[in-house]
Amino acid sequence: MAPRTQILLLLAIPLVLVVGLVLTSQRLPSSEVGRAYVQRVTLPSASDDLDLPSVSGDEALPLIVIDAGHGGHDPGASGQGLVEKSLVLSLASELKEELEAQGGVRVALTRDDDRYLLHAERFEIARRLNADLFLSIHADSAGDASEVEGASIYTLSNEASSDAAARFAERENASDRLNGVNLSDQSDTVSTILVELSQRRTQEQSAEFARLIRREGEGVLRFHPQAIRSAALKVLRAPDVPSVLFESGFITNAAEAERLGSAEGREQFAQIMARAIRIYFARQQ
């Protein structure tokens, strides 16, 4: 074959492939083209139209807002057959039932179904309800490192308490992004200002609640060696509501997944957390 013919063939092959792809895409229904590469979801309504949960009980009683992390198109971590968004919703619901059964406090959930909320919407619900305490419940994954275990308790800080805390915050904060697009209308600058404007008293109260969770769970729950941490977590950025994120453990660890996924484990979690909440409110009086 002549050299000129070989060159023409080399130039023609890419052109033929492109034409073939174009013709194939034209024959496909438009809903099929690119469906595997683009995730489409219904975005939450603007924060001005937040659907606030109903709260029953005497308004003189303290109010805690419990936030089940992730939800909707955002499943969170997964492992051992568990998905974070479903697991933490079951933990939040169990805690709500426990607190309501004991009485003396009011309780609201940021979500009671498989719904997606922005971080700012989660803590804004607590603010608009004039909550006295905000608790966000999560679980973690360590990938193939199935031996990693232990619950952690996070409070807000611009300076992460460790590299691990910084990585956790980066991963959790990223759930406000979809297909690389930031869904939140709150810039990082505004978020930083909110952190700086947070009252010292609010931060002290958050730290006190974190210590109570650690104390009440001692000997029952398995905590990470560095149990109490701090990081720039967006979900904790309510400047006037004491806020804590409880990372309930690693669902990639078989023992922790079994505990968290069982009715006994959920009841155990609810009892410990309810005790910490009641002690916290008693100290605020």
Protein backbone atom coordinates (compact mmCIF):
# COMPACT_ATOMS: atom_id res chain seq x y z
CA MET A 1 0.00 0.00 0.00
CA ALA A 2 1.36 3.38 -0.99
CA PRO A 3 2.43 5.75 1.82
CA ARG A 4 -0.09 8.38 0.63
CA THR A 5 -2.92 5.85 0.88
CA GLN A 6 -1.87 4.86 4.43
CA ILE A 7 -1.91 8.50 5.53
CA LEU A 8 -5.38 9.06 4.04
CA LEU A 9 -6.71 6.00 5.87
CA LEU A 10 -5.28 7.18 9.18
CA LEU A 11 -6.96 10.55 8.73
CA ALA A 12 -10.27 9.03 7.64
CA ILE A 13 -10.72 6.57 10.53
CA PRO A 14 -11.31 9.22 13.27
CA LEU A 15 -13.73 11.07 10.97
CA VAL A 16 -15.73 7.89 10.34
CA LEU A 17 -15.91 7.19 14.10
CA VAL A 18 -17.17 10.71 14.86
CA VAL A 19 -19.84 10.54 12.16
CA GLY A 20 -20.94 7.16 13.45
CA LEU A 21 -21.29 8.45 17.01
CA VAL A 22 -23.32 11.44 15.83
CA LEU A 23 -25.68 9.28 13.82
CA THR A 24 -26.08 6.84 16.73
CA SER A 25 -26.92 9.62 19.18
CA GLN A 26 -29.53 11.00 16.80
CA ARG A 27 -31.31 7.65 16.76
CA LEU A 28 -31.37 7.44 20.56
CA PRO A 29 -34.17 9.08 22.57
CA SER A 30 -32.89 12.31 24.09
CA SER A 31 -33.42 10.94 27.62
CA GLU A 32 -30.88 8.18 26.90
CA VAL A 33 -28.05 10.39 25.70
CA GLY A 34 -25.60 11.10 28.55
CA ARG A 35 -27.94 9.61 31.15
CA ALA A 36 -25.11 7.67 32.76
CA TYR A 37 -22.98 10.78 33.18
CA VAL A 38 -25.32 13.47 34.49
CA GLN A 39 -27.25 13.19 37.72
CA ARG A 40 -30.49 15.12 37.78
CA VAL A 41 -32.27 15.85 41.04
CA THR A 42 -35.03 18.12 42.25
CA LEU A 43 -33.29 20.87 44.17
CA PRO A 44 -34.70 22.04 47.51
CA SER A 45 -36.77 25.19 47.54
CA ALA A 46 -35.27 28.49 48.53
CA SER A 47 -34.50 28.93 52.21
CA ASP A 48 -37.21 31.59 52.48
CA ASP A 49 -39.74 28.82 51.81
CA LEU A 50 -38.37 26.32 54.31
CA ASP A 51 -40.93 23.75 55.38
CA LEU A 52 -40.53 23.91 59.15
CA PRO A 53 -41.43 20.79 61.13
CA SER A 54 -44.25 21.03 63.62
CA VAL A 55 -43.31 21.08 67.30
CA SER A 56 -45.75 20.07 69.99
CA GLY A 57 -45.57 20.64 73.72
CA ASP A 58 -45.26 23.51 76.18
CA GLU A 59 -43.21 26.33 74.65
CA ALA A 60 -41.56 26.82 78.04
CA LEU A 61 -39.78 23.48 77.55
CA PRO A 62 -36.38 23.45 75.86
CA LEU A 63 -36.28 22.44 72.19
CA ILE A 64 -33.72 20.22 70.50
CA VAL A 65 -33.59 19.91 66.71
CA ILE A 66 -32.18 16.59 65.53
CA ASP A 67 -30.69 16.45 62.07
CA ALA A 68 -30.30 13.15 60.19
CA GLY A 69 -27.42 13.78 57.81
CA HIS A 70 -27.51 13.39 54.03
CA GLY A 71 -30.71 12.17 52.31
CA GLY A 72 -32.28 12.19 48.87
CA HIS A 73 -29.71 11.99 46.08
CA ASP A 74 -26.92 12.15 48.70
CA PRO A 75 -26.60 8.68 50.33
CA GLY A 76 -23.54 9.48 52.44
CA ALA A 77 -21.25 6.63 53.45
CA SER A 78 -21.97 2.96 52.86
CA GLY A 79 -20.65 -0.36 54.10
CA GLN A 80 -21.66 -3.77 55.42
CA GLY A 81 -25.00 -3.45 53.62
CA LEU A 82 -25.84 -0.13 55.33
CA VAL A 83 -26.36 3.30 53.79
CA GLU A 84 -25.67 6.32 55.98
CA LYS A 85 -28.73 8.39 55.04
CA SER A 86 -31.10 5.59 56.11
CA LEU A 87 -29.11 4.55 59.17
CA VAL A 88 -28.89 8.03 60.67
CA LEU A 89 -32.58 8.69 60.02
CA SER A 90 -33.43 5.58 62.05
CA LEU A 91 -31.11 6.77 64.85
CA ALA A 92 -32.67 10.25 64.82
CA SER A 93 -36.19 8.83 64.90
CA GLU A 94 -35.30 6.49 67.78
CA LEU A 95 -33.88 9.39 69.78
CA LYS A 96 -36.93 11.53 69.12
CA GLU A 97 -39.23 8.75 70.36
CA GLU A 98 -37.08 8.25 73.46
CA LEU A 99 -37.13 11.94 74.37
CA GLU A 100 -40.86 12.28 73.77
CA ALA A 101 -41.57 9.19 75.87
CA GLN A 102 -39.60 10.64 78.79
CA GLY A 103 -41.18 14.09 78.40
CA GLY A 104 -39.82 17.39 79.62
CA VAL A 105 -38.34 18.50 76.29
CA ARG A 106 -39.60 19.33 72.82
CA VAL A 107 -38.13 17.63 69.75
CA ALA A 108 -38.09 18.33 66.01
CA LEU A 109 -36.41 16.53 63.12
CA THR A 110 -34.95 18.44 60.17
CA ARG A 111 -36.16 15.56 57.99
CA ASP A 112 -38.36 12.55 58.69
CA ASP A 113 -38.10 11.04 55.20
CA ASP A 114 -35.57 10.49 52.40
CA ARG A 115 -35.22 14.19 51.60
CA TYR A 116 -32.20 16.29 50.64
CA LEU A 117 -31.42 19.49 52.54
CA LEU A 118 -28.57 21.94 52.17
CA HIS A 119 -26.36 22.42 55.22
CA ALA A 120 -27.58 26.00 55.63
CA GLU A 121 -31.21 24.82 55.55
CA ARG A 122 -30.55 22.29 58.31
CA PHE A 123 -29.23 24.77 60.86
CA GLU A 124 -31.65 27.45 59.62
CA ILE A 125 -34.52 25.19 60.67
CA ALA A 126 -33.07 25.17 64.19
CA ARG A 127 -32.67 28.94 64.18
CA ARG A 128 -36.21 29.66 62.94
CA LEU A 129 -37.67 27.33 65.55
CA ASN A 130 -35.63 29.11 68.25
CA ALA A 131 -34.05 25.81 69.20
CA ASP A 132 -31.97 25.52 72.35
CA LEU A 133 -29.77 22.76 70.94
CA PHE A 134 -28.91 21.28 67.52
CA LEU A 135 -27.63 17.73 67.02
CA SER A 136 -26.58 16.41 63.61
CA ILE A 137 -26.17 12.61 63.36
CA HIS A 138 -23.81 10.97 60.88
CA ALA A 139 -21.85 7.77 60.25
CA ASP A 140 -18.53 7.29 58.50
CA SER A 141 -16.74 4.97 56.10
CA ALA A 142 -13.08 4.00 56.04
CA GLY A 143 -13.21 2.28 52.66
CA ASP A 144 -11.25 -0.96 52.68
CA ALA A 145 -9.81 -0.25 56.14
CA SER A 146 -12.44 -2.32 57.92
CA GLU A 147 -10.55 -2.26 61.23
CA VAL A 148 -11.11 1.50 61.73
CA GLU A 149 -13.76 2.12 64.38
CA GLY A 150 -15.03 4.52 66.99
CA ALA A 151 -17.58 7.31 67.35
CA SER A 152 -16.53 10.98 67.32
CA ILE A 153 -18.15 14.20 68.51
CA TYR A 154 -17.54 17.38 66.51
CA THR A 155 -17.93 21.03 67.42
CA LEU A 156 -17.37 24.04 65.17
CA SER A 157 -13.98 25.64 64.69
CA ASN A 158 -12.16 27.40 61.87
CA GLU A 159 -9.08 25.38 62.85
CA ALA A 160 -9.51 21.61 62.54
CA SER A 161 -8.29 19.67 65.56
CA SER A 162 -6.45 17.16 63.33
CA ASP A 163 -5.82 16.24 59.71
CA ALA A 164 -8.49 13.54 60.05
CA ALA A 165 -11.02 16.11 61.28
CA ALA A 166 -10.18 18.39 58.34
CA ARG A 167 -10.69 15.55 55.86
CA PHE A 168 -14.00 14.64 57.49
CA ALA A 169 -15.20 18.25 57.25
CA GLU A 170 -14.14 18.51 53.61
CA ARG A 171 -16.03 15.32 52.76
CA GLU A 172 -19.19 16.30 54.65
CA ASN A 173 -19.21 19.88 53.34
CA ALA A 174 -18.92 18.58 49.78
CA SER A 175 -22.47 17.22 49.89
CA ASP A 176 -23.66 20.74 49.01
CA ARG A 177 -22.14 20.18 45.56
CA LEU A 178 -23.72 18.29 42.67
CA ASN A 179 -21.92 17.57 39.40
CA GLY A 180 -19.28 20.05 40.55
CA VAL A 181 -21.80 22.85 41.10
CA ASN A 182 -22.20 24.50 44.50
CA LEU A 183 -25.92 24.32 45.34
CA SER A 184 -25.64 26.61 48.34
CA ASP A 185 -26.13 30.33 47.82
CA GLN A 186 -23.90 31.00 50.83
CA SER A 187 -20.33 31.86 49.92
CA ASP A 188 -17.32 30.68 51.89
CA THR A 189 -16.73 34.30 52.90
CA VAL A 190 -20.18 34.57 54.45
CA SER A 191 -19.72 31.21 56.17
CA THR A 192 -16.43 32.37 57.67
CA ILE A 193 -18.04 35.57 58.93
CA LEU A 194 -20.78 33.52 60.59
CA VAL A 195 -18.17 31.45 62.38
CA GLU A 196 -16.35 34.57 63.56
CA LEU A 197 -19.60 36.13 64.75
CA SER A 198 -20.54 33.06 66.77
CA GLN A 199 -20.87 34.03 70.37
CA ARG A 200 -18.26 32.62 72.70
CA ARG A 201 -21.05 31.43 74.96
CA THR A 202 -22.57 29.37 72.13
CA GLN A 203 -19.25 27.66 71.49
CA GLU A 204 -18.78 26.94 75.18
CA GLN A 205 -22.24 25.37 75.35
CA SER A 206 -21.51 23.23 72.29
CA ALA A 207 -18.29 21.99 73.89
CA GLU A 208 -20.12 21.23 77.13
CA PHE A 209 -22.72 19.12 75.31
CA ALA A 210 -19.93 17.26 73.46
CA ARG A 211 -18.27 16.41 76.78
CA LEU A 212 -21.57 15.15 78.19
CA ILE A 213 -22.07 12.80 75.23
CA ARG A 214 -18.57 11.44 75.78
CA ARG A 215 -19.13 10.99 79.50
CA GLU A 216 -22.55 9.35 79.26
CA GLY A 217 -21.38 6.99 76.52
CA GLU A 218 -18.25 5.91 78.39
CA GLY A 219 -18.08 2.13 78.77
CA VAL A 220 -21.09 1.57 76.51
CA LEU A 221 -20.26 3.15 73.16
CA ARG A 222 -16.89 2.63 71.52
CA PHE A 223 -15.28 6.01 70.90
CA HIS A 224 -12.38 6.96 68.69
CA PRO A 225 -9.18 7.63 70.70
CA GLN A 226 -9.62 11.32 69.87
CA ALA A 227 -13.31 11.35 70.64
CA ILE A 228 -13.97 15.10 70.78
CA ARG A 229 -12.88 17.02 67.70
CA SER A 230 -13.43 20.35 66.01
CA ALA A 231 -13.64 21.31 62.35
CA ALA A 232 -15.17 23.88 59.98
CA LEU A 233 -18.36 21.91 59.41
CA LYS A 234 -21.00 23.90 57.53
CA VAL A 235 -23.91 22.17 59.23
CA LEU A 236 -22.79 23.54 62.63
CA ARG A 237 -22.62 27.19 61.56
CA ALA A 238 -25.65 28.54 63.39
CA PRO A 239 -24.14 31.46 65.33
CA ASP A 240 -26.74 31.42 68.10
CA VAL A 241 -27.65 27.73 68.61
CA PRO A 242 -25.27 25.35 70.45
CA SER A 243 -24.52 22.67 67.85
CA VAL A 244 -22.78 19.30 67.80
CA LEU A 245 -22.24 16.69 65.09
CA PHE A 246 -22.19 13.11 66.35
CA GLU A 247 -20.38 10.72 64.03
CA SER A 248 -21.82 7.46 65.33
CA GLY A 249 -19.11 5.14 64.02
CA PHE A 250 -17.72 3.46 60.93
CA ILE A 251 -20.24 1.37 59.01
CA THR A 252 -17.36 -0.24 57.14
CA ASN A 253 -16.46 -1.93 60.44
CA ALA A 254 -18.47 -5.16 60.82
CA ALA A 255 -18.96 -4.88 64.59
CA GLU A 256 -20.03 -1.24 64.50
CA ALA A 257 -22.31 -1.79 61.53
CA GLU A 258 -24.01 -4.66 63.35
CA ARG A 259 -24.48 -2.55 66.48
CA LEU A 260 -25.78 0.53 64.67
CA GLY A 261 -28.06 -1.48 62.42
CA SER A 262 -29.72 -3.42 65.23
CA ALA A 263 -32.77 -2.44 67.26
CA GLU A 264 -30.75 -2.95 70.43
CA GLY A 265 -27.99 -0.68 69.16
CA ARG A 266 -30.43 2.07 68.22
CA GLU A 267 -32.11 1.87 71.62
CA GLN A 268 -28.73 2.01 73.35
CA PHE A 269 -27.76 5.06 71.34
CA ALA A 270 -31.07 6.82 72.09
CA GLN A 271 -30.85 6.22 75.83
CA ILE A 272 -27.30 7.53 76.11
CA MET A 273 -27.95 10.57 73.95
CA ALA A 274 -31.22 11.36 75.75
CA ARG A 275 -29.39 11.32 79.09
CA ALA A 276 -26.74 13.71 77.78
CA ILE A 277 -29.42 16.05 76.39
CA ARG A 278 -31.38 16.11 79.66
CA ILE A 279 -28.29 16.78 81.75
CA TYR A 280 -27.29 19.56 79.38
CA PHE A 281 -30.70 21.26 79.62
CA ALA A 282 -30.74 20.84 83.41
CA ARG A 283 -27.43 22.67 83.64
CA GLN A 284 -28.71 25.56 81.54
CA GLN A 285 -31.55 26.36 83.92
